[in-house]
Every structure is written in structure tokens, then in C-alpha cells.
Amino acid sequence: MKMLVARVALATVCLIGGVTTTDSHHSSIVLADNPPETSEAENDQEVIVNNAEFGIKRINRGKANFIPTTQVPLQEGYVYGWRIQLDKYQGEVKWREVLRLPKAPETWSTEFSEDFSISKDGKTATSKRSQTPVNGVIENFWTIAPGDPVGKHQIEVYIDERLIATFDFEVVEEK
């Protein structure tokens, strides 16, 4: 598994350019299972989630397209992840992501090793980040790497130890 750095420009492009989808058959918006009404952040700001989506990201001619889906093709280089729209949040957000896989991948890799841990069984990774929302959006993405498992996966996102979104998805072999 490889994690990509969330980029300010990418979030801006996604929000300004809108969500585009080229395959409506596999496209569906995935909202948090139990979207919270509110949460209090460390800086005493109320955290309100307007929207939470999971999907794949495709770069086409320099433009990033976020395609909501619950299925990620097991194809090296495919980028998948989440984005969460916060309402009127100002400043930095400290979030934690827990990624659960059906079995351990051959390898785990990230650019943030000091804020990244793996469970003893190798099936769960926890990442902690601080991120300033761009147009209210925080996000995180992973890249399919050789040895990643197929099957049901889950990502939970927390702000200040409060679960704000759960994304259930499946990595599937392409036919």
C-alpha cells in the first residue's frame, strides 16, 4: 500500500472542476454510515460534516477527477480514498484514519512513517495527520501496489477521537 500526500491544488481542482464520472454503471456516492451532527475540535470549533465520499481518483490530461464508487480495481497505480467536506471550519484539522484490509498486504508504504502504524497481524494501518481544509475539504488517498489483497476493506475517519465517517468498499480483480 502506498499513501499519496493530499495536495491543496488537487482539492481545489476537484471542487472547482466538480465531480466527473465516466462510468455511471460503477459510480455511486458513498456517504458515511452514521454521519454525525457535530463534534468539537481541539481548537473549540464545532466540526460539522456536509458530505463524505469514497472513490477513485483519475488524472486525465493534468486534471484530477474524483469518481465515487464502492469498488476499486486491483490494478497497480489505481488511486482510491476519501474526501470530507466540513462546514465553515477554519484552520488545521487533526484527523486519524484506520484502514482495515481482509488480509495483510505484501508491503505497507507511506511518506509519513512517524505518523503511521500497522497492527501486529498486518491487516490494519492507522494514520494521523494535520491538514488545513481547502474549500472546507480534507482528504486522503492510497495507491494500489503489488501484493495488495482483494476483498472487503474499510476506512474509518476520526476527528478528535470522534468517528465522523466510515467507508466500506471492495478491491476487486478486473475481468
N, C-alpha and C. Protein backbone atom coordinates (compact mmCIF):
# COMPACT_ATOMS: atom_id res chain seq x y z
N MET A 1 0.84 -1.17 0.00
CA MET A 1 0.00 0.00 0.00
C MET A 1 0.89 1.24 0.00
N LYS A 2 0.56 2.19 -0.78
CA LYS A 2 1.29 3.45 -0.79
C LYS A 2 0.29 4.57 -0.57
N MET A 3 0.65 5.53 0.28
CA MET A 3 -0.23 6.66 0.54
C MET A 3 0.27 7.86 -0.24
N LEU A 4 -0.64 8.59 -0.82
CA LEU A 4 -0.30 9.82 -1.52
C LEU A 4 -0.54 10.99 -0.60
N VAL A 5 0.25 12.02 -0.75
CA VAL A 5 0.06 13.23 0.01
C VAL A 5 -1.14 13.97 -0.57
N ALA A 6 -2.03 14.40 0.30
CA ALA A 6 -3.17 15.20 -0.15
C ALA A 6 -2.64 16.55 -0.56
N ARG A 7 -2.96 16.98 -1.74
CA ARG A 7 -2.41 18.22 -2.27
C ARG A 7 -3.48 19.29 -2.34
N VAL A 8 -3.09 20.49 -1.95
CA VAL A 8 -4.01 21.62 -1.96
C VAL A 8 -4.54 21.86 -3.35
N ALA A 9 -3.69 21.84 -4.35
CA ALA A 9 -4.12 22.11 -5.71
C ALA A 9 -5.13 21.08 -6.18
N LEU A 10 -4.91 19.83 -5.81
CA LEU A 10 -5.81 18.77 -6.23
C LEU A 10 -7.20 18.97 -5.64
N ALA A 11 -7.27 19.30 -4.37
CA ALA A 11 -8.57 19.53 -3.74
C ALA A 11 -9.28 20.70 -4.42
N THR A 12 -8.53 21.73 -4.75
CA THR A 12 -9.11 22.88 -5.41
C THR A 12 -9.64 22.50 -6.78
N VAL A 13 -8.86 21.73 -7.55
CA VAL A 13 -9.29 21.30 -8.88
C VAL A 13 -10.55 20.47 -8.78
N CYS A 14 -10.58 19.54 -7.80
CA CYS A 14 -11.76 18.68 -7.65
C CYS A 14 -13.00 19.49 -7.32
N LEU A 15 -12.85 20.50 -6.46
CA LEU A 15 -14.01 21.28 -6.07
C LEU A 15 -14.44 22.25 -7.16
N ILE A 16 -13.48 22.91 -7.81
CA ILE A 16 -13.82 23.87 -8.85
C ILE A 16 -14.31 23.15 -10.09
N GLY A 17 -13.63 22.07 -10.46
CA GLY A 17 -13.98 21.33 -11.67
C GLY A 17 -15.20 20.45 -11.49
N GLY A 18 -15.56 20.19 -10.25
CA GLY A 18 -16.71 19.34 -10.00
C GLY A 18 -16.35 17.88 -10.08
N VAL A 19 -17.25 17.05 -9.68
CA VAL A 19 -17.05 15.62 -9.76
C VAL A 19 -17.51 15.16 -11.12
N THR A 20 -16.61 14.49 -11.83
CA THR A 20 -17.00 13.97 -13.13
C THR A 20 -16.92 12.47 -13.08
N THR A 21 -17.80 11.83 -13.79
CA THR A 21 -17.75 10.39 -13.83
C THR A 21 -17.91 9.96 -15.28
N THR A 22 -17.10 8.98 -15.63
CA THR A 22 -17.15 8.48 -16.99
C THR A 22 -17.85 7.14 -17.07
N ASP A 23 -18.11 6.51 -15.93
CA ASP A 23 -18.72 5.20 -15.92
C ASP A 23 -19.85 5.19 -14.90
N SER A 24 -21.03 5.56 -15.33
CA SER A 24 -22.14 5.68 -14.39
C SER A 24 -22.59 4.32 -13.86
N HIS A 25 -22.24 3.24 -14.53
CA HIS A 25 -22.63 1.91 -14.06
C HIS A 25 -21.97 1.58 -12.73
N HIS A 26 -20.71 1.97 -12.54
CA HIS A 26 -19.98 1.66 -11.32
C HIS A 26 -19.91 2.84 -10.37
N SER A 27 -20.59 3.90 -10.63
CA SER A 27 -20.45 5.10 -9.84
C SER A 27 -21.62 5.28 -8.89
N SER A 28 -21.30 5.45 -7.62
CA SER A 28 -22.32 5.76 -6.64
C SER A 28 -21.67 6.52 -5.50
N ILE A 29 -22.40 7.45 -4.94
CA ILE A 29 -21.85 8.23 -3.83
C ILE A 29 -21.91 7.37 -2.58
N VAL A 30 -20.83 7.37 -1.83
CA VAL A 30 -20.75 6.62 -0.61
C VAL A 30 -20.70 7.63 0.53
N LEU A 31 -21.74 7.70 1.30
CA LEU A 31 -21.78 8.61 2.42
C LEU A 31 -21.37 7.86 3.68
N ALA A 32 -21.00 8.60 4.68
CA ALA A 32 -20.64 8.00 5.95
C ALA A 32 -21.84 7.21 6.47
N ASP A 33 -21.56 6.04 7.08
CA ASP A 33 -22.63 5.20 7.59
C ASP A 33 -23.49 5.95 8.61
N ASN A 34 -22.87 6.62 9.53
CA ASN A 34 -23.57 7.36 10.55
C ASN A 34 -23.02 8.78 10.63
N PRO A 35 -23.37 9.64 9.68
CA PRO A 35 -22.81 10.97 9.72
C PRO A 35 -23.21 11.68 11.01
N PRO A 36 -22.23 12.23 11.72
CA PRO A 36 -22.55 12.90 12.97
C PRO A 36 -23.17 14.26 12.72
N GLU A 37 -23.87 14.71 13.72
CA GLU A 37 -24.41 16.06 13.62
C GLU A 37 -23.29 17.07 13.85
N THR A 38 -22.57 16.89 14.93
CA THR A 38 -21.46 17.80 15.22
C THR A 38 -20.42 17.11 16.08
N SER A 39 -19.25 17.73 16.17
CA SER A 39 -18.17 17.29 17.03
C SER A 39 -17.38 18.53 17.42
N GLU A 40 -16.75 18.52 18.56
CA GLU A 40 -15.93 19.65 18.97
C GLU A 40 -14.47 19.35 18.65
N ALA A 41 -13.81 20.23 17.92
CA ALA A 41 -12.40 20.06 17.60
C ALA A 41 -11.54 20.58 18.74
N GLU A 42 -10.24 20.23 18.72
CA GLU A 42 -9.32 20.67 19.76
C GLU A 42 -9.31 22.18 19.94
N ASN A 43 -9.52 22.92 18.87
CA ASN A 43 -9.48 24.37 18.96
C ASN A 43 -10.87 24.94 19.27
N ASP A 44 -11.74 24.11 19.85
CA ASP A 44 -13.08 24.50 20.27
C ASP A 44 -14.01 24.86 19.13
N GLN A 45 -13.66 24.51 17.91
CA GLN A 45 -14.57 24.71 16.78
C GLN A 45 -15.49 23.50 16.67
N GLU A 46 -16.69 23.76 16.29
CA GLU A 46 -17.63 22.70 16.03
C GLU A 46 -17.29 22.08 14.67
N VAL A 47 -17.25 20.76 14.61
CA VAL A 47 -16.99 20.07 13.35
C VAL A 47 -18.32 19.55 12.82
N ILE A 48 -18.71 20.08 11.67
CA ILE A 48 -19.95 19.65 11.02
C ILE A 48 -19.57 19.10 9.65
N VAL A 49 -19.99 17.87 9.37
CA VAL A 49 -19.70 17.23 8.10
C VAL A 49 -20.86 17.49 7.14
N ASN A 50 -20.55 18.15 6.02
CA ASN A 50 -21.57 18.38 4.99
C ASN A 50 -21.69 17.19 4.05
N ASN A 51 -20.55 16.54 3.75
CA ASN A 51 -20.54 15.45 2.79
C ASN A 51 -19.30 14.60 3.03
N ALA A 52 -19.44 13.30 2.85
CA ALA A 52 -18.31 12.37 2.97
C ALA A 52 -18.42 11.39 1.82
N GLU A 53 -17.35 11.31 1.02
CA GLU A 53 -17.37 10.45 -0.17
C GLU A 53 -16.12 9.58 -0.23
N PHE A 54 -16.30 8.39 -0.78
CA PHE A 54 -15.20 7.48 -1.08
C PHE A 54 -15.19 7.27 -2.58
N GLY A 55 -14.01 7.12 -3.16
CA GLY A 55 -13.95 6.84 -4.59
C GLY A 55 -12.55 6.68 -5.10
N ILE A 56 -12.44 6.66 -6.41
CA ILE A 56 -11.13 6.58 -7.06
C ILE A 56 -10.83 7.92 -7.69
N LYS A 57 -9.55 8.18 -7.87
CA LYS A 57 -9.10 9.42 -8.48
C LYS A 57 -8.35 9.08 -9.75
N ARG A 58 -8.76 9.73 -10.81
CA ARG A 58 -8.09 9.54 -12.10
C ARG A 58 -7.55 10.88 -12.56
N ILE A 59 -6.34 10.86 -13.09
CA ILE A 59 -5.72 12.05 -13.65
C ILE A 59 -5.79 11.91 -15.16
N ASN A 60 -6.44 12.87 -15.82
CA ASN A 60 -6.58 12.85 -17.26
C ASN A 60 -6.17 14.21 -17.80
N ARG A 61 -5.09 14.23 -18.55
CA ARG A 61 -4.57 15.47 -19.12
C ARG A 61 -4.34 16.54 -18.05
N GLY A 62 -3.79 16.11 -16.93
CA GLY A 62 -3.47 17.03 -15.85
C GLY A 62 -4.63 17.41 -14.97
N LYS A 63 -5.83 16.92 -15.27
CA LYS A 63 -7.00 17.24 -14.47
C LYS A 63 -7.35 16.02 -13.61
N ALA A 64 -7.56 16.27 -12.31
CA ALA A 64 -7.94 15.19 -11.40
C ALA A 64 -9.45 15.05 -11.36
N ASN A 65 -9.92 13.83 -11.55
CA ASN A 65 -11.34 13.53 -11.46
C ASN A 65 -11.56 12.56 -10.33
N PHE A 66 -12.46 12.89 -9.43
CA PHE A 66 -12.86 12.01 -8.33
C PHE A 66 -14.13 11.30 -8.75
N ILE A 67 -14.10 9.98 -8.73
CA ILE A 67 -15.24 9.18 -9.17
C ILE A 67 -15.75 8.37 -7.98
N PRO A 68 -16.88 8.76 -7.41
CA PRO A 68 -17.42 8.00 -6.28
C PRO A 68 -17.74 6.56 -6.69
N THR A 69 -17.35 5.61 -5.86
CA THR A 69 -17.59 4.19 -6.13
C THR A 69 -17.37 3.39 -4.85
N THR A 70 -17.84 2.16 -4.84
CA THR A 70 -17.55 1.25 -3.73
C THR A 70 -16.65 0.10 -4.19
N GLN A 71 -16.23 0.13 -5.47
CA GLN A 71 -15.35 -0.91 -5.99
C GLN A 71 -14.09 -0.29 -6.57
N VAL A 72 -12.95 -0.83 -6.13
CA VAL A 72 -11.65 -0.36 -6.60
C VAL A 72 -10.99 -1.50 -7.36
N PRO A 73 -10.64 -1.28 -8.63
CA PRO A 73 -9.97 -2.34 -9.40
C PRO A 73 -8.58 -2.64 -8.83
N LEU A 74 -8.26 -3.92 -8.74
CA LEU A 74 -6.93 -4.34 -8.30
C LEU A 74 -5.98 -4.17 -9.48
N GLN A 75 -5.59 -2.94 -9.69
CA GLN A 75 -4.70 -2.61 -10.79
C GLN A 75 -3.64 -1.66 -10.24
N GLU A 76 -2.39 -2.07 -10.36
CA GLU A 76 -1.29 -1.27 -9.82
C GLU A 76 -1.38 0.18 -10.29
N GLY A 77 -1.26 1.09 -9.35
CA GLY A 77 -1.30 2.51 -9.66
C GLY A 77 -2.66 3.16 -9.49
N TYR A 78 -3.73 2.37 -9.35
CA TYR A 78 -5.05 2.95 -9.11
C TYR A 78 -5.03 3.68 -7.77
N VAL A 79 -5.63 4.86 -7.74
CA VAL A 79 -5.64 5.69 -6.55
C VAL A 79 -7.07 5.73 -6.00
N TYR A 80 -7.20 5.43 -4.71
CA TYR A 80 -8.51 5.45 -4.08
C TYR A 80 -8.43 6.14 -2.72
N GLY A 81 -9.55 6.64 -2.27
CA GLY A 81 -9.55 7.28 -0.96
C GLY A 81 -10.83 8.04 -0.70
N TRP A 82 -10.74 8.96 0.23
CA TRP A 82 -11.93 9.67 0.70
C TRP A 82 -11.69 11.17 0.70
N ARG A 83 -12.82 11.87 0.71
CA ARG A 83 -12.79 13.31 0.92
C ARG A 83 -14.02 13.67 1.73
N ILE A 84 -13.82 14.60 2.65
CA ILE A 84 -14.88 15.00 3.57
C ILE A 84 -15.00 16.52 3.53
N GLN A 85 -16.20 16.99 3.29
CA GLN A 85 -16.50 18.43 3.24
C GLN A 85 -16.97 18.86 4.62
N LEU A 86 -16.20 19.75 5.25
CA LEU A 86 -16.56 20.30 6.55
C LEU A 86 -17.24 21.64 6.37
N ASP A 87 -18.16 21.94 7.25
CA ASP A 87 -18.92 23.18 7.16
C ASP A 87 -18.24 24.28 7.98
N LYS A 88 -17.78 25.33 7.30
CA LYS A 88 -17.26 26.55 7.92
C LYS A 88 -16.13 26.30 8.91
N TYR A 89 -15.32 25.29 8.68
CA TYR A 89 -14.20 25.01 9.58
C TYR A 89 -13.02 25.89 9.22
N GLN A 90 -12.39 26.48 10.20
CA GLN A 90 -11.24 27.36 9.97
C GLN A 90 -10.00 26.77 10.63
N GLY A 91 -8.89 26.79 9.93
CA GLY A 91 -7.62 26.34 10.49
C GLY A 91 -7.36 24.87 10.26
N GLU A 92 -6.40 24.36 11.01
CA GLU A 92 -5.92 23.00 10.85
C GLU A 92 -6.84 21.97 11.52
N VAL A 93 -7.02 20.84 10.86
CA VAL A 93 -7.81 19.73 11.40
C VAL A 93 -6.86 18.58 11.69
N LYS A 94 -6.96 18.00 12.88
CA LYS A 94 -6.20 16.81 13.22
C LYS A 94 -7.14 15.62 13.07
N TRP A 95 -6.80 14.72 12.14
CA TRP A 95 -7.64 13.56 11.91
C TRP A 95 -6.82 12.28 12.01
N ARG A 96 -7.55 11.19 12.22
CA ARG A 96 -6.95 9.85 12.28
C ARG A 96 -7.75 8.95 11.35
N GLU A 97 -7.03 8.15 10.58
CA GLU A 97 -7.66 7.21 9.65
C GLU A 97 -7.25 5.80 10.04
N VAL A 98 -8.23 4.89 10.06
CA VAL A 98 -7.96 3.48 10.31
C VAL A 98 -8.40 2.71 9.07
N LEU A 99 -7.44 2.07 8.40
CA LEU A 99 -7.69 1.29 7.19
C LEU A 99 -7.59 -0.19 7.54
N ARG A 100 -8.70 -0.93 7.33
CA ARG A 100 -8.73 -2.37 7.62
C ARG A 100 -8.83 -3.15 6.32
N LEU A 101 -7.95 -4.13 6.16
CA LEU A 101 -7.92 -4.98 4.98
C LEU A 101 -8.35 -6.39 5.35
N PRO A 102 -8.78 -7.20 4.36
CA PRO A 102 -9.19 -8.57 4.66
C PRO A 102 -8.01 -9.47 5.03
N LYS A 103 -6.83 -9.13 4.54
CA LYS A 103 -5.60 -9.83 4.93
C LYS A 103 -4.44 -8.87 4.71
N ALA A 104 -3.32 -9.18 5.30
CA ALA A 104 -2.16 -8.29 5.22
C ALA A 104 -1.64 -8.22 3.78
N PRO A 105 -1.28 -7.00 3.33
CA PRO A 105 -0.65 -6.89 2.01
C PRO A 105 0.79 -7.37 2.09
N GLU A 106 1.43 -7.53 0.94
CA GLU A 106 2.83 -7.94 0.95
C GLU A 106 3.70 -6.86 1.59
N THR A 107 3.37 -5.58 1.35
CA THR A 107 4.13 -4.48 1.94
C THR A 107 3.20 -3.32 2.26
N TRP A 108 3.63 -2.50 3.20
CA TRP A 108 2.96 -1.23 3.51
C TRP A 108 3.99 -0.14 3.24
N SER A 109 3.56 0.98 2.70
CA SER A 109 4.48 2.08 2.45
C SER A 109 3.73 3.40 2.57
N THR A 110 4.40 4.39 3.17
CA THR A 110 3.82 5.72 3.30
C THR A 110 4.93 6.74 3.40
N GLU A 111 4.61 7.97 3.06
CA GLU A 111 5.56 9.06 3.19
C GLU A 111 5.61 9.60 4.61
N PHE A 112 4.69 9.16 5.47
CA PHE A 112 4.57 9.71 6.82
C PHE A 112 4.83 8.63 7.87
N SER A 113 5.99 8.03 7.87
CA SER A 113 6.26 6.90 8.74
C SER A 113 6.14 7.25 10.22
N GLU A 114 6.41 8.50 10.60
CA GLU A 114 6.32 8.86 12.01
C GLU A 114 4.89 8.95 12.50
N ASP A 115 3.91 9.07 11.62
CA ASP A 115 2.51 9.16 11.98
C ASP A 115 1.71 7.99 11.42
N PHE A 116 2.37 6.83 11.33
CA PHE A 116 1.78 5.67 10.66
C PHE A 116 2.15 4.42 11.47
N SER A 117 1.14 3.60 11.77
CA SER A 117 1.41 2.35 12.49
C SER A 117 0.60 1.22 11.88
N ILE A 118 1.11 0.01 12.05
CA ILE A 118 0.48 -1.18 11.49
C ILE A 118 0.21 -2.14 12.64
N SER A 119 -0.95 -2.78 12.61
CA SER A 119 -1.30 -3.75 13.65
C SER A 119 -0.36 -4.95 13.59
N LYS A 120 -0.33 -5.73 14.67
CA LYS A 120 0.54 -6.91 14.73
C LYS A 120 0.22 -7.93 13.63
N ASP A 121 -1.06 -8.06 13.28
CA ASP A 121 -1.43 -9.02 12.24
C ASP A 121 -1.23 -8.46 10.83
N GLY A 122 -0.85 -7.18 10.71
CA GLY A 122 -0.55 -6.58 9.41
C GLY A 122 -1.76 -6.19 8.59
N LYS A 123 -2.98 -6.34 9.14
CA LYS A 123 -4.19 -6.06 8.37
C LYS A 123 -4.76 -4.66 8.58
N THR A 124 -4.27 -3.93 9.58
CA THR A 124 -4.83 -2.62 9.90
C THR A 124 -3.73 -1.58 9.99
N ALA A 125 -3.94 -0.47 9.30
CA ALA A 125 -2.99 0.65 9.35
C ALA A 125 -3.70 1.86 9.94
N THR A 126 -3.00 2.58 10.79
CA THR A 126 -3.52 3.81 11.38
C THR A 126 -2.62 4.96 10.99
N SER A 127 -3.22 6.00 10.43
CA SER A 127 -2.50 7.20 10.01
C SER A 127 -3.06 8.38 10.78
N LYS A 128 -2.18 9.27 11.20
CA LYS A 128 -2.59 10.51 11.86
C LYS A 128 -2.03 11.67 11.08
N ARG A 129 -2.87 12.67 10.83
CA ARG A 129 -2.44 13.83 10.04
C ARG A 129 -3.05 15.10 10.60
N SER A 130 -2.41 16.19 10.27
CA SER A 130 -2.97 17.52 10.47
C SER A 130 -3.06 18.13 9.08
N GLN A 131 -4.21 18.69 8.78
CA GLN A 131 -4.45 19.19 7.42
C GLN A 131 -5.33 20.42 7.50
N THR A 132 -4.99 21.43 6.73
CA THR A 132 -5.84 22.60 6.61
C THR A 132 -6.81 22.36 5.46
N PRO A 133 -8.11 22.39 5.74
CA PRO A 133 -9.09 22.16 4.67
C PRO A 133 -8.96 23.19 3.55
N VAL A 134 -9.10 22.72 2.33
CA VAL A 134 -9.12 23.58 1.15
C VAL A 134 -10.57 23.66 0.70
N ASN A 135 -11.13 24.83 0.74
CA ASN A 135 -12.56 24.99 0.46
C ASN A 135 -13.40 24.07 1.33
N GLY A 136 -12.93 23.85 2.56
CA GLY A 136 -13.65 23.02 3.51
C GLY A 136 -13.40 21.53 3.40
N VAL A 137 -12.53 21.10 2.48
CA VAL A 137 -12.33 19.67 2.21
C VAL A 137 -11.02 19.16 2.81
N ILE A 138 -11.12 18.02 3.52
CA ILE A 138 -9.96 17.24 3.90
C ILE A 138 -10.05 15.93 3.13
N GLU A 139 -8.89 15.31 2.87
CA GLU A 139 -8.91 14.09 2.05
C GLU A 139 -7.65 13.29 2.27
N ASN A 140 -7.72 12.02 1.87
CA ASN A 140 -6.55 11.15 1.91
C ASN A 140 -6.73 10.05 0.87
N PHE A 141 -5.62 9.67 0.23
CA PHE A 141 -5.68 8.69 -0.84
C PHE A 141 -4.57 7.65 -0.68
N TRP A 142 -4.85 6.45 -1.17
CA TRP A 142 -3.91 5.33 -1.22
C TRP A 142 -3.76 4.90 -2.67
N THR A 143 -2.66 4.19 -2.96
CA THR A 143 -2.41 3.69 -4.30
C THR A 143 -2.28 2.17 -4.26
N ILE A 144 -2.96 1.49 -5.18
CA ILE A 144 -2.85 0.04 -5.28
C ILE A 144 -1.41 -0.32 -5.64
N ALA A 145 -0.84 -1.24 -4.87
CA ALA A 145 0.54 -1.68 -5.09
C ALA A 145 0.55 -3.21 -5.25
N PRO A 146 1.62 -3.76 -5.84
CA PRO A 146 1.71 -5.21 -5.97
C PRO A 146 1.58 -5.88 -4.59
N GLY A 147 0.80 -6.94 -4.54
CA GLY A 147 0.62 -7.66 -3.28
C GLY A 147 -0.53 -7.19 -2.43
N ASP A 148 -1.28 -6.18 -2.89
CA ASP A 148 -2.45 -5.73 -2.16
C ASP A 148 -3.55 -6.79 -2.28
N PRO A 149 -4.32 -7.00 -1.22
CA PRO A 149 -5.35 -8.05 -1.26
C PRO A 149 -6.65 -7.59 -1.89
N VAL A 150 -7.35 -8.53 -2.50
CA VAL A 150 -8.72 -8.28 -2.96
C VAL A 150 -9.64 -8.51 -1.76
N GLY A 151 -10.86 -8.04 -1.87
CA GLY A 151 -11.84 -8.28 -0.83
C GLY A 151 -12.35 -7.01 -0.19
N LYS A 152 -13.12 -7.19 0.87
CA LYS A 152 -13.76 -6.08 1.56
C LYS A 152 -12.76 -5.32 2.43
N HIS A 153 -12.77 -4.00 2.29
CA HIS A 153 -11.91 -3.10 3.04
C HIS A 153 -12.80 -2.10 3.78
N GLN A 154 -12.22 -1.44 4.76
CA GLN A 154 -12.97 -0.40 5.47
C GLN A 154 -12.01 0.69 5.91
N ILE A 155 -12.47 1.93 5.79
CA ILE A 155 -11.74 3.08 6.31
C ILE A 155 -12.65 3.82 7.27
N GLU A 156 -12.12 4.11 8.45
CA GLU A 156 -12.81 4.95 9.43
C GLU A 156 -11.99 6.22 9.59
N VAL A 157 -12.67 7.36 9.64
CA VAL A 157 -12.01 8.65 9.82
C VAL A 157 -12.53 9.28 11.10
N TYR A 158 -11.59 9.72 11.93
CA TYR A 158 -11.91 10.33 13.22
C TYR A 158 -11.35 11.75 13.26
N ILE A 159 -12.08 12.64 13.90
CA ILE A 159 -11.56 13.96 14.25
C ILE A 159 -11.72 14.06 15.76
N ASP A 160 -10.61 14.31 16.44
CA ASP A 160 -10.61 14.41 17.90
C ASP A 160 -11.28 13.20 18.55
N GLU A 161 -10.90 12.02 18.08
CA GLU A 161 -11.36 10.74 18.62
C GLU A 161 -12.85 10.48 18.41
N ARG A 162 -13.50 11.29 17.59
CA ARG A 162 -14.91 11.04 17.27
C ARG A 162 -15.01 10.53 15.83
N LEU A 163 -15.65 9.39 15.66
CA LEU A 163 -15.85 8.83 14.33
C LEU A 163 -16.74 9.76 13.52
N ILE A 164 -16.21 10.25 12.37
CA ILE A 164 -17.02 11.14 11.55
C ILE A 164 -17.42 10.51 10.22
N ALA A 165 -16.75 9.42 9.80
CA ALA A 165 -17.11 8.76 8.55
C ALA A 165 -16.57 7.34 8.53
N THR A 166 -17.36 6.45 7.95
CA THR A 166 -16.95 5.06 7.71
C THR A 166 -17.21 4.75 6.25
N PHE A 167 -16.20 4.20 5.59
CA PHE A 167 -16.31 3.87 4.17
C PHE A 167 -16.05 2.38 3.99
N ASP A 168 -17.04 1.64 3.53
CA ASP A 168 -16.88 0.22 3.22
C ASP A 168 -16.76 0.12 1.70
N PHE A 169 -15.73 -0.59 1.25
CA PHE A 169 -15.50 -0.74 -0.19
C PHE A 169 -14.82 -2.06 -0.45
N GLU A 170 -14.74 -2.43 -1.72
CA GLU A 170 -14.15 -3.71 -2.08
C GLU A 170 -13.12 -3.50 -3.17
N VAL A 171 -11.97 -4.15 -2.99
CA VAL A 171 -10.96 -4.19 -4.04
C VAL A 171 -11.23 -5.45 -4.84
N VAL A 172 -11.45 -5.28 -6.15
CA VAL A 172 -11.87 -6.39 -7.00
C VAL A 172 -10.89 -6.60 -8.15
N GLU A 173 -10.75 -7.86 -8.54
CA GLU A 173 -9.93 -8.16 -9.70
C GLU A 173 -10.69 -7.75 -10.96
N GLU A 174 -9.97 -7.13 -11.89
CA GLU A 174 -10.61 -6.72 -13.14
C GLU A 174 -10.79 -7.93 -14.03
N LYS A 175 -11.88 -7.91 -14.76
CA LYS A 175 -12.17 -9.04 -15.67
C LYS A 175 -11.69 -8.74 -17.05
